[in-house]
Amino acid sequence: MIVTNSRIKIFYILSLSFIILSCSSDDAPVDSNEETNTVLRSVNIEEKLYGEAKIEYTVTYNTDGDNYVRKIDFGSNKVEFFYDDENNIVEERFKLNGTLNQRTVYKYDSNNRRSKKEVFYNDNTTPDEIGNYTFNSKNQLISTDRETFTYDEDGNLATSQFIGGENVTHYRYDNKFRPDKNLKPINYFFYRTNNSLGGNIVGEEEKNGQGNDVYKQTWEYEYSNENLPIKRTLIISEGSSEIESNTAEYIYN
């Protein structure tokens, strides 16, 4: 199957769901159990990938108080999200310049855990890709058709590894309050963490069999006087070379 640039782009955009809303700081920590009504309303991102021109992304949420992610806009393209009566995302639609380019449909088990996805390109009615999800007794995602996952004692993702691959990706966290706490459905955007009140990811390193970094992501944040992140800088490197940098501005209610 030929993978077009647009399909690479949508995979990258949807993978940002774990990146763009993560929060961290070197400032004084905020109690992770602190209750707050603060909710992210949008995240504006400027990205530079492999030296290409900057691309702007905006993540927005419903404004009627239910805090559900509605769409991600980037240039003339967008991803739209649709929910069932149980507030599970059942469909994503990626539109390239206003035309439907990819549709992803999700299925759930009796415990409302995502069990299957079907990906349709363009107007196809037969799935071009099918994926399955497996969970443990703690409702943690432990495998897909392509990857396996392990978790630390706080329920945060500790490692991930492609099935049959040598490299292992390791994740590091802080103990700061996450403003995504009040977003829904948190298990969609933060499937890599089991504890919605846990820490924020601050580092991700993919290491080869010799323990050397192959791919690395580092997050740095600026906080407001209320200890809410207002700006995030992400640096992504391959080996010793920086391949991408982007910044995000956070807007709250």
C-alpha atoms as a PDB file:
ATOM      1  CA  MET A   1       0.000   0.000   0.000  1.00  0.00           C
ATOM      2  CA  ILE A   2       1.309   3.442  -0.903  1.00  0.00           C
ATOM      3  CA  VAL A   3       1.396   5.852   2.023  1.00  0.00           C
ATOM      4  CA  THR A   4       0.772   9.403   0.841  1.00  0.00           C
ATOM      5  CA  ASN A   5       2.091  12.535   2.517  1.00  0.00           C
ATOM      6  CA  SER A   6      -1.430  13.378   3.620  1.00  0.00           C
ATOM      7  CA  ARG A   7      -1.719  10.019   5.423  1.00  0.00           C
ATOM      8  CA  ILE A   8       1.635  10.556   7.069  1.00  0.00           C
ATOM      9  CA  LYS A   9       0.412  13.985   8.126  1.00  0.00           C
ATOM     10  CA  ILE A  10      -2.845  12.735   9.657  1.00  0.00           C
ATOM     11  CA  PHE A  11      -0.976  10.011  11.550  1.00  0.00           C
ATOM     12  CA  TYR A  12       1.355  12.708  12.851  1.00  0.00           C
ATOM     13  CA  ILE A  13      -1.521  15.054  13.762  1.00  0.00           C
ATOM     14  CA  LEU A  14      -3.409  12.386  15.680  1.00  0.00           C
ATOM     15  CA  SER A  15      -0.221  11.326  17.447  1.00  0.00           C
ATOM     16  CA  LEU A  16       0.039  14.925  18.638  1.00  0.00           C
ATOM     17  CA  SER A  17      -2.965  14.216  20.829  1.00  0.00           C
ATOM     18  CA  PHE A  18      -0.590  12.843  23.416  1.00  0.00           C
ATOM     19  CA  ILE A  19       1.966  15.618  22.947  1.00  0.00           C
ATOM     20  CA  ILE A  20       0.141  18.892  22.618  1.00  0.00           C
ATOM     21  CA  LEU A  21      -1.789  18.761  25.865  1.00  0.00           C
ATOM     22  CA  SER A  22       0.930  17.402  28.165  1.00  0.00           C
ATOM     23  CA  CYS A  23       2.121  19.836  30.824  1.00  0.00           C
ATOM     24  CA  SER A  24       5.197  20.206  32.999  1.00  0.00           C
ATOM     25  CA  SER A  25       7.243  22.839  34.851  1.00  0.00           C
ATOM     26  CA  ASP A  26      10.245  23.353  37.073  1.00  0.00           C
ATOM     27  CA  ASP A  27       8.162  25.688  39.246  1.00  0.00           C
ATOM     28  CA  ALA A  28       6.708  24.668  42.588  1.00  0.00           C
ATOM     29  CA  PRO A  29       4.522  21.590  42.102  1.00  0.00           C
ATOM     30  CA  VAL A  30       0.763  21.791  42.297  1.00  0.00           C
ATOM     31  CA  ASP A  31      -1.053  19.140  44.307  1.00  0.00           C
ATOM     32  CA  SER A  32      -2.169  16.515  41.795  1.00  0.00           C
ATOM     33  CA  ASN A  33      -5.363  15.964  43.806  1.00  0.00           C
ATOM     34  CA  GLU A  34      -6.321  19.625  43.755  1.00  0.00           C
ATOM     35  CA  GLU A  35      -9.831  20.151  42.411  1.00  0.00           C
ATOM     36  CA  THR A  36     -10.228  22.866  39.816  1.00  0.00           C
ATOM     37  CA  ASN A  37     -12.741  23.848  37.178  1.00  0.00           C
ATOM     38  CA  THR A  38     -10.036  25.083  34.843  1.00  0.00           C
ATOM     39  CA  VAL A  39     -10.460  23.560  31.391  1.00  0.00           C
ATOM     40  CA  LEU A  40      -8.374  23.956  28.251  1.00  0.00           C
ATOM     41  CA  ARG A  41     -10.432  25.565  25.511  1.00  0.00           C
ATOM     42  CA  SER A  42      -7.817  25.585  22.769  1.00  0.00           C
ATOM     43  CA  VAL A  43      -4.175  24.870  22.104  1.00  0.00           C
ATOM     44  CA  ASN A  44      -2.432  26.879  19.395  1.00  0.00           C
ATOM     45  CA  ILE A  45       0.674  25.194  17.995  1.00  0.00           C
ATOM     46  CA  GLU A  46       3.396  26.328  15.627  1.00  0.00           C
ATOM     47  CA  GLU A  47       5.468  23.470  14.264  1.00  0.00           C
ATOM     48  CA  LYS A  48       8.622  23.214  12.189  1.00  0.00           C
ATOM     49  CA  LEU A  49       9.365  19.721  10.873  1.00  0.00           C
ATOM     50  CA  TYR A  50      12.535  18.801   8.962  1.00  0.00           C
ATOM     51  CA  GLY A  51      13.106  22.476   8.150  1.00  0.00           C
ATOM     52  CA  GLU A  52       9.702  22.941   6.514  1.00  0.00           C
ATOM     53  CA  ALA A  53       7.674  26.110   6.951  1.00  0.00           C
ATOM     54  CA  LYS A  54       5.729  26.472  10.171  1.00  0.00           C
ATOM     55  CA  ILE A  55       2.302  24.903  10.410  1.00  0.00           C
ATOM     56  CA  GLU A  56      -0.292  26.171  12.876  1.00  0.00           C
ATOM     57  CA  TYR A  57      -2.672  23.847  14.735  1.00  0.00           C
ATOM     58  CA  THR A  58      -5.633  24.741  16.913  1.00  0.00           C
ATOM     59  CA  VAL A  59      -7.388  22.251  19.186  1.00  0.00           C
ATOM     60  CA  THR A  60     -10.848  23.364  20.294  1.00  0.00           C
ATOM     61  CA  TYR A  61     -13.498  21.951  22.613  1.00  0.00           C
ATOM     62  CA  ASN A  62     -17.241  22.218  22.945  1.00  0.00           C
ATOM     63  CA  THR A  63     -18.270  25.455  24.636  1.00  0.00           C
ATOM     64  CA  ASP A  64     -21.463  24.159  26.240  1.00  0.00           C
ATOM     65  CA  GLY A  65     -19.699  22.901  29.359  1.00  0.00           C
ATOM     66  CA  ASP A  66     -19.189  19.247  28.467  1.00  0.00           C
ATOM     67  CA  ASN A  67     -15.452  19.713  27.734  1.00  0.00           C
ATOM     68  CA  TYR A  68     -15.343  17.290  24.820  1.00  0.00           C
ATOM     69  CA  VAL A  69     -12.744  17.782  22.112  1.00  0.00           C
ATOM     70  CA  ARG A  70     -14.522  18.827  18.941  1.00  0.00           C
ATOM     71  CA  LYS A  71     -11.875  19.317  16.266  1.00  0.00           C
ATOM     72  CA  ILE A  72      -8.257  19.949  15.403  1.00  0.00           C
ATOM     73  CA  ASP A  73      -7.628  22.583  12.717  1.00  0.00           C
ATOM     74  CA  PHE A  74      -4.336  22.940  10.851  1.00  0.00           C
ATOM     75  CA  GLY A  75      -4.321  25.273   7.885  1.00  0.00           C
ATOM     76  CA  SER A  76      -7.160  24.352   5.527  1.00  0.00           C
ATOM     77  CA  ASN A  77      -7.335  20.845   7.016  1.00  0.00           C
ATOM     78  CA  LYS A  78      -9.154  19.503  10.055  1.00  0.00           C
ATOM     79  CA  VAL A  79      -9.936  16.433  12.148  1.00  0.00           C
ATOM     80  CA  GLU A  80     -13.465  16.183  13.518  1.00  0.00           C
ATOM     81  CA  PHE A  81     -14.564  13.932  16.402  1.00  0.00           C
ATOM     82  CA  PHE A  82     -17.945  12.237  16.929  1.00  0.00           C
ATOM     83  CA  TYR A  83     -19.283  10.567  20.098  1.00  0.00           C
ATOM     84  CA  ASP A  84     -21.834   7.936  21.097  1.00  0.00           C
ATOM     85  CA  ASP A  85     -24.304   8.092  23.989  1.00  0.00           C
ATOM     86  CA  GLU A  86     -21.607   6.788  26.341  1.00  0.00           C
ATOM     87  CA  ASN A  87     -19.351   9.703  25.332  1.00  0.00           C
ATOM     88  CA  ASN A  88     -16.888   7.422  23.559  1.00  0.00           C
ATOM     89  CA  ILE A  89     -15.306   8.701  20.367  1.00  0.00           C
ATOM     90  CA  VAL A  90     -16.780   6.482  17.669  1.00  0.00           C
ATOM     91  CA  GLU A  91     -15.479   8.252  14.589  1.00  0.00           C
ATOM     92  CA  GLU A  92     -12.777  10.639  13.418  1.00  0.00           C
ATOM     93  CA  ARG A  93     -12.904  12.354  10.059  1.00  0.00           C
ATOM     94  CA  PHE A  94      -9.788  13.870   8.511  1.00  0.00           C
ATOM     95  CA  LYS A  95     -10.546  16.439   5.808  1.00  0.00           C
ATOM     96  CA  LEU A  96      -7.771  17.557   3.482  1.00  0.00           C
ATOM     97  CA  ASN A  97      -8.596  20.946   1.970  1.00  0.00           C
ATOM     98  CA  GLY A  98     -12.250  20.339   2.780  1.00  0.00           C
ATOM     99  CA  THR A  99     -12.402  16.861   1.194  1.00  0.00           C
ATOM    100  CA  LEU A 100     -12.748  13.686   3.261  1.00  0.00           C
ATOM    101  CA  ASN A 101      -9.371  11.928   3.154  1.00  0.00           C
ATOM    102  CA  GLN A 102      -9.545   9.434   6.000  1.00  0.00           C
ATOM    103  CA  ARG A 103     -12.225   8.121   8.335  1.00  0.00           C
ATOM    104  CA  THR A 104     -11.487   6.083  11.474  1.00  0.00           C
ATOM    105  CA  VAL A 105     -14.247   4.148  13.260  1.00  0.00           C
ATOM    106  CA  TYR A 106     -13.801   2.802  16.811  1.00  0.00           C
ATOM    107  CA  LYS A 107     -15.545  -0.112  18.540  1.00  0.00           C
ATOM    108  CA  TYR A 108     -15.818  -0.649  22.321  1.00  0.00           C
ATOM    109  CA  ASP A 109     -16.293  -3.651  24.580  1.00  0.00           C
ATOM    110  CA  SER A 110     -18.888  -4.085  27.328  1.00  0.00           C
ATOM    111  CA  ASN A 111     -16.613  -2.162  29.734  1.00  0.00           C
ATOM    112  CA  ASN A 112     -16.427   0.846  27.388  1.00  0.00           C
ATOM    113  CA  ARG A 113     -12.808   0.046  26.552  1.00  0.00           C
ATOM    114  CA  ARG A 114     -11.731   0.603  22.982  1.00  0.00           C
ATOM    115  CA  SER A 115     -11.406  -2.817  21.368  1.00  0.00           C
ATOM    116  CA  LYS A 116     -11.068  -2.207  17.641  1.00  0.00           C
ATOM    117  CA  LYS A 117     -10.496   0.444  14.999  1.00  0.00           C
ATOM    118  CA  GLU A 118     -11.202   0.480  11.284  1.00  0.00           C
ATOM    119  CA  VAL A 119      -9.538   2.980   8.955  1.00  0.00           C
ATOM    120  CA  PHE A 120     -11.124   3.954   5.633  1.00  0.00           C
ATOM    121  CA  TYR A 121      -9.255   6.036   3.048  1.00  0.00           C
ATOM    122  CA  ASN A 122     -11.156   8.508   0.900  1.00  0.00           C
ATOM    123  CA  ASP A 123     -14.666   7.186   0.162  1.00  0.00           C
ATOM    124  CA  ASN A 124     -13.854   3.496   0.650  1.00  0.00           C
ATOM    125  CA  THR A 125     -16.574   1.437   2.337  1.00  0.00           C
ATOM    126  CA  THR A 126     -14.284  -1.511   3.127  1.00  0.00           C
ATOM    127  CA  PRO A 127     -11.623  -0.913   5.825  1.00  0.00           C
ATOM    128  CA  ASP A 128      -8.108  -0.332   4.515  1.00  0.00           C
ATOM    129  CA  GLU A 129      -6.678  -0.992   7.994  1.00  0.00           C
ATOM    130  CA  ILE A 130      -7.990  -2.848  11.038  1.00  0.00           C
ATOM    131  CA  GLY A 131      -6.469  -2.655  14.514  1.00  0.00           C
ATOM    132  CA  ASN A 132      -7.240  -4.335  17.850  1.00  0.00           C
ATOM    133  CA  TYR A 133      -6.614  -3.281  21.466  1.00  0.00           C
ATOM    134  CA  THR A 134      -5.938  -5.480  24.506  1.00  0.00           C
ATOM    135  CA  PHE A 135      -6.252  -4.394  28.157  1.00  0.00           C
ATOM    136  CA  ASN A 136      -5.208  -5.925  31.482  1.00  0.00           C
ATOM    137  CA  SER A 137      -7.270  -6.276  34.677  1.00  0.00           C
ATOM    138  CA  LYS A 138      -6.366  -2.664  35.604  1.00  0.00           C
ATOM    139  CA  ASN A 139      -7.912  -1.386  32.364  1.00  0.00           C
ATOM    140  CA  GLN A 140      -4.472  -0.443  31.079  1.00  0.00           C
ATOM    141  CA  LEU A 141      -3.790  -0.798  27.377  1.00  0.00           C
ATOM    142  CA  ILE A 142      -1.098  -3.462  27.141  1.00  0.00           C
ATOM    143  CA  SER A 143      -0.977  -4.140  23.409  1.00  0.00           C
ATOM    144  CA  THR A 144      -2.180  -3.253  19.960  1.00  0.00           C
ATOM    145  CA  ASP A 145      -1.487  -5.155  16.759  1.00  0.00           C
ATOM    146  CA  ARG A 146       1.807  -3.285  16.509  1.00  0.00           C
ATOM    147  CA  GLU A 147       2.983  -2.372  20.024  1.00  0.00           C
ATOM    148  CA  THR A 148       3.206  -3.616  23.604  1.00  0.00           C
ATOM    149  CA  PHE A 149       3.138  -1.391  26.718  1.00  0.00           C
ATOM    150  CA  THR A 150       4.242  -1.567  30.370  1.00  0.00           C
ATOM    151  CA  TYR A 151       3.346   0.777  33.235  1.00  0.00           C
ATOM    152  CA  ASP A 152       4.918   2.140  36.406  1.00  0.00           C
ATOM    153  CA  GLU A 153       3.410   1.868  39.895  1.00  0.00           C
ATOM    154  CA  ASP A 154       1.508   5.159  39.381  1.00  0.00           C
ATOM    155  CA  GLY A 155      -0.198   3.832  36.275  1.00  0.00           C
ATOM    156  CA  ASN A 156       1.816   5.944  33.835  1.00  0.00           C
ATOM    157  CA  LEU A 157       3.250   4.360  30.715  1.00  0.00           C
ATOM    158  CA  ALA A 158       6.801   3.207  31.427  1.00  0.00           C
ATOM    159  CA  THR A 159       7.843   1.592  28.140  1.00  0.00           C
ATOM    160  CA  SER A 160       6.533   0.800  24.690  1.00  0.00           C
ATOM    161  CA  GLN A 161       7.971  -1.484  22.024  1.00  0.00           C
ATOM    162  CA  PHE A 162       6.995  -2.441  18.496  1.00  0.00           C
ATOM    163  CA  ILE A 163       6.288  -6.153  18.234  1.00  0.00           C
ATOM    164  CA  GLY A 164       9.327  -7.864  16.776  1.00  0.00           C
ATOM    165  CA  GLY A 165      11.424  -4.729  17.178  1.00  0.00           C
ATOM    166  CA  GLU A 166      14.621  -4.227  19.159  1.00  0.00           C
ATOM    167  CA  ASN A 167      14.235  -0.613  20.267  1.00  0.00           C
ATOM    168  CA  VAL A 168      12.393   0.248  23.490  1.00  0.00           C
ATOM    169  CA  THR A 169      10.887   3.669  24.221  1.00  0.00           C
ATOM    170  CA  HIS A 170      11.062   4.941  27.819  1.00  0.00           C
ATOM    171  CA  TYR A 171       8.883   7.690  29.338  1.00  0.00           C
ATOM    172  CA  ARG A 172       9.572  10.105  32.207  1.00  0.00           C
ATOM    173  CA  TYR A 173       7.080  12.186  34.226  1.00  0.00           C
ATOM    174  CA  ASP A 174       6.870  14.890  36.862  1.00  0.00           C
ATOM    175  CA  ASN A 175       4.287  15.270  39.653  1.00  0.00           C
ATOM    176  CA  LYS A 176       2.618  18.477  38.432  1.00  0.00           C
ATOM    177  CA  PHE A 177      -1.091  19.117  38.046  1.00  0.00           C
ATOM    178  CA  ARG A 178      -2.363  18.473  34.540  1.00  0.00           C
ATOM    179  CA  PRO A 179      -4.923  20.891  33.101  1.00  0.00           C
ATOM    180  CA  ASP A 180      -6.191  18.111  30.864  1.00  0.00           C
ATOM    181  CA  LYS A 181      -7.710  16.608  34.021  1.00  0.00           C
ATOM    182  CA  ASN A 182     -11.123  18.020  33.136  1.00  0.00           C
ATOM    183  CA  LEU A 183     -11.063  17.153  29.450  1.00  0.00           C
ATOM    184  CA  LYS A 184     -13.191  14.348  28.062  1.00  0.00           C
ATOM    185  CA  PRO A 185     -12.727  11.648  27.075  1.00  0.00           C
ATOM    186  CA  ILE A 186      -9.337  11.640  28.767  1.00  0.00           C
ATOM    187  CA  ASN A 187      -8.724   7.972  27.972  1.00  0.00           C
ATOM    188  CA  TYR A 188      -8.708   8.780  24.271  1.00  0.00           C
ATOM    189  CA  PHE A 189      -6.103  11.502  24.310  1.00  0.00           C
ATOM    190  CA  PHE A 190      -4.121  10.085  27.189  1.00  0.00           C
ATOM    191  CA  TYR A 191      -4.333   6.357  26.569  1.00  0.00           C
ATOM    192  CA  ARG A 192      -0.683   6.179  27.572  1.00  0.00           C
ATOM    193  CA  THR A 193      -1.514   6.955  31.181  1.00  0.00           C
ATOM    194  CA  ASN A 194      -3.935   5.069  33.384  1.00  0.00           C
ATOM    195  CA  ASN A 195      -4.117   7.638  36.189  1.00  0.00           C
ATOM    196  CA  SER A 196      -5.849  10.832  35.073  1.00  0.00           C
ATOM    197  CA  LEU A 197      -4.437  12.610  38.136  1.00  0.00           C
ATOM    198  CA  GLY A 198      -0.889  11.377  37.532  1.00  0.00           C
ATOM    199  CA  GLY A 199       2.182  13.307  36.436  1.00  0.00           C
ATOM    200  CA  ASN A 200       2.926  14.966  33.126  1.00  0.00           C
ATOM    201  CA  ILE A 201       5.316  13.516  30.597  1.00  0.00           C
ATOM    202  CA  VAL A 202       8.612  15.424  30.456  1.00  0.00           C
ATOM    203  CA  GLY A 203      10.754  13.073  28.390  1.00  0.00           C
ATOM    204  CA  GLU A 204      10.547  10.263  25.879  1.00  0.00           C
ATOM    205  CA  GLU A 205      13.621   8.339  24.732  1.00  0.00           C
ATOM    206  CA  GLU A 206      13.750   5.503  22.235  1.00  0.00           C
ATOM    207  CA  LYS A 207      16.837   3.367  22.873  1.00  0.00           C
ATOM    208  CA  ASN A 208      18.418   0.659  20.780  1.00  0.00           C
ATOM    209  CA  GLY A 209      19.708  -2.689  22.023  1.00  0.00           C
ATOM    210  CA  GLN A 210      22.958  -1.057  23.142  1.00  0.00           C
ATOM    211  CA  GLY A 211      21.097   1.513  25.260  1.00  0.00           C
ATOM    212  CA  ASN A 212      21.852   4.461  22.965  1.00  0.00           C
ATOM    213  CA  ASP A 213      19.268   7.131  22.200  1.00  0.00           C
ATOM    214  CA  VAL A 214      17.785   6.795  18.715  1.00  0.00           C
ATOM    215  CA  TYR A 215      14.897   9.220  19.099  1.00  0.00           C
ATOM    216  CA  LYS A 216      14.257  11.716  21.877  1.00  0.00           C
ATOM    217  CA  GLN A 217      11.546  14.192  22.885  1.00  0.00           C
ATOM    218  CA  THR A 218      11.917  16.830  25.592  1.00  0.00           C
ATOM    219  CA  TRP A 219       9.211  19.174  26.934  1.00  0.00           C
ATOM    220  CA  GLU A 220       9.739  22.552  28.645  1.00  0.00           C
ATOM    221  CA  TYR A 221       6.974  24.808  29.980  1.00  0.00           C
ATOM    222  CA  GLU A 222       6.236  28.370  31.054  1.00  0.00           C
ATOM    223  CA  TYR A 223       3.647  28.817  33.810  1.00  0.00           C
ATOM    224  CA  SER A 224       1.291  31.617  34.806  1.00  0.00           C
ATOM    225  CA  ASN A 225       1.038  33.002  38.335  1.00  0.00           C
ATOM    226  CA  GLU A 226      -1.758  30.459  38.866  1.00  0.00           C
ATOM    227  CA  ASN A 227       0.680  27.635  38.000  1.00  0.00           C
ATOM    228  CA  LEU A 228      -1.108  26.896  34.735  1.00  0.00           C
ATOM    229  CA  PRO A 229       1.065  26.252  31.666  1.00  0.00           C
ATOM    230  CA  ILE A 230       0.752  29.063  29.156  1.00  0.00           C
ATOM    231  CA  LYS A 231       3.471  28.005  26.729  1.00  0.00           C
ATOM    232  CA  ARG A 232       5.170  24.734  25.876  1.00  0.00           C
ATOM    233  CA  THR A 233       8.297  24.050  23.840  1.00  0.00           C
ATOM    234  CA  LEU A 234       8.925  20.592  22.424  1.00  0.00           C
ATOM    235  CA  ILE A 235      12.233  19.483  20.928  1.00  0.00           C
ATOM    236  CA  ILE A 236      12.452  16.229  18.950  1.00  0.00           C
ATOM    237  CA  SER A 237      15.818  14.734  17.999  1.00  0.00           C
ATOM    238  CA  GLU A 238      17.127  11.747  16.079  1.00  0.00           C
ATOM    239  CA  GLY A 239      20.545  10.758  17.344  1.00  0.00           C
ATOM    240  CA  SER A 240      22.399  14.043  17.817  1.00  0.00           C
ATOM    241  CA  SER A 241      20.345  15.989  15.250  1.00  0.00           C
ATOM    242  CA  GLU A 242      17.283  18.093  16.030  1.00  0.00           C
ATOM    243  CA  ILE A 243      14.594  17.283  13.469  1.00  0.00           C
ATOM    244  CA  GLU A 244      11.654  19.231  14.831  1.00  0.00           C
ATOM    245  CA  SER A 245      10.735  21.973  17.242  1.00  0.00           C
ATOM    246  CA  ASN A 246       7.348  23.393  18.008  1.00  0.00           C
ATOM    247  CA  THR A 247       5.710  25.689  20.527  1.00  0.00           C
ATOM    248  CA  ALA A 248       2.197  25.671  21.930  1.00  0.00           C
ATOM    249  CA  GLU A 249       0.124  28.345  23.646  1.00  0.00           C
ATOM    250  CA  TYR A 250      -2.613  27.196  26.025  1.00  0.00           C
ATOM    251  CA  ILE A 251      -5.945  29.015  26.350  1.00  0.00           C
ATOM    252  CA  TYR A 252      -8.296  28.312  29.271  1.00  0.00           C
ATOM    253  CA  ASN A 253     -11.841  29.110  30.242  1.00  0.00           C
END
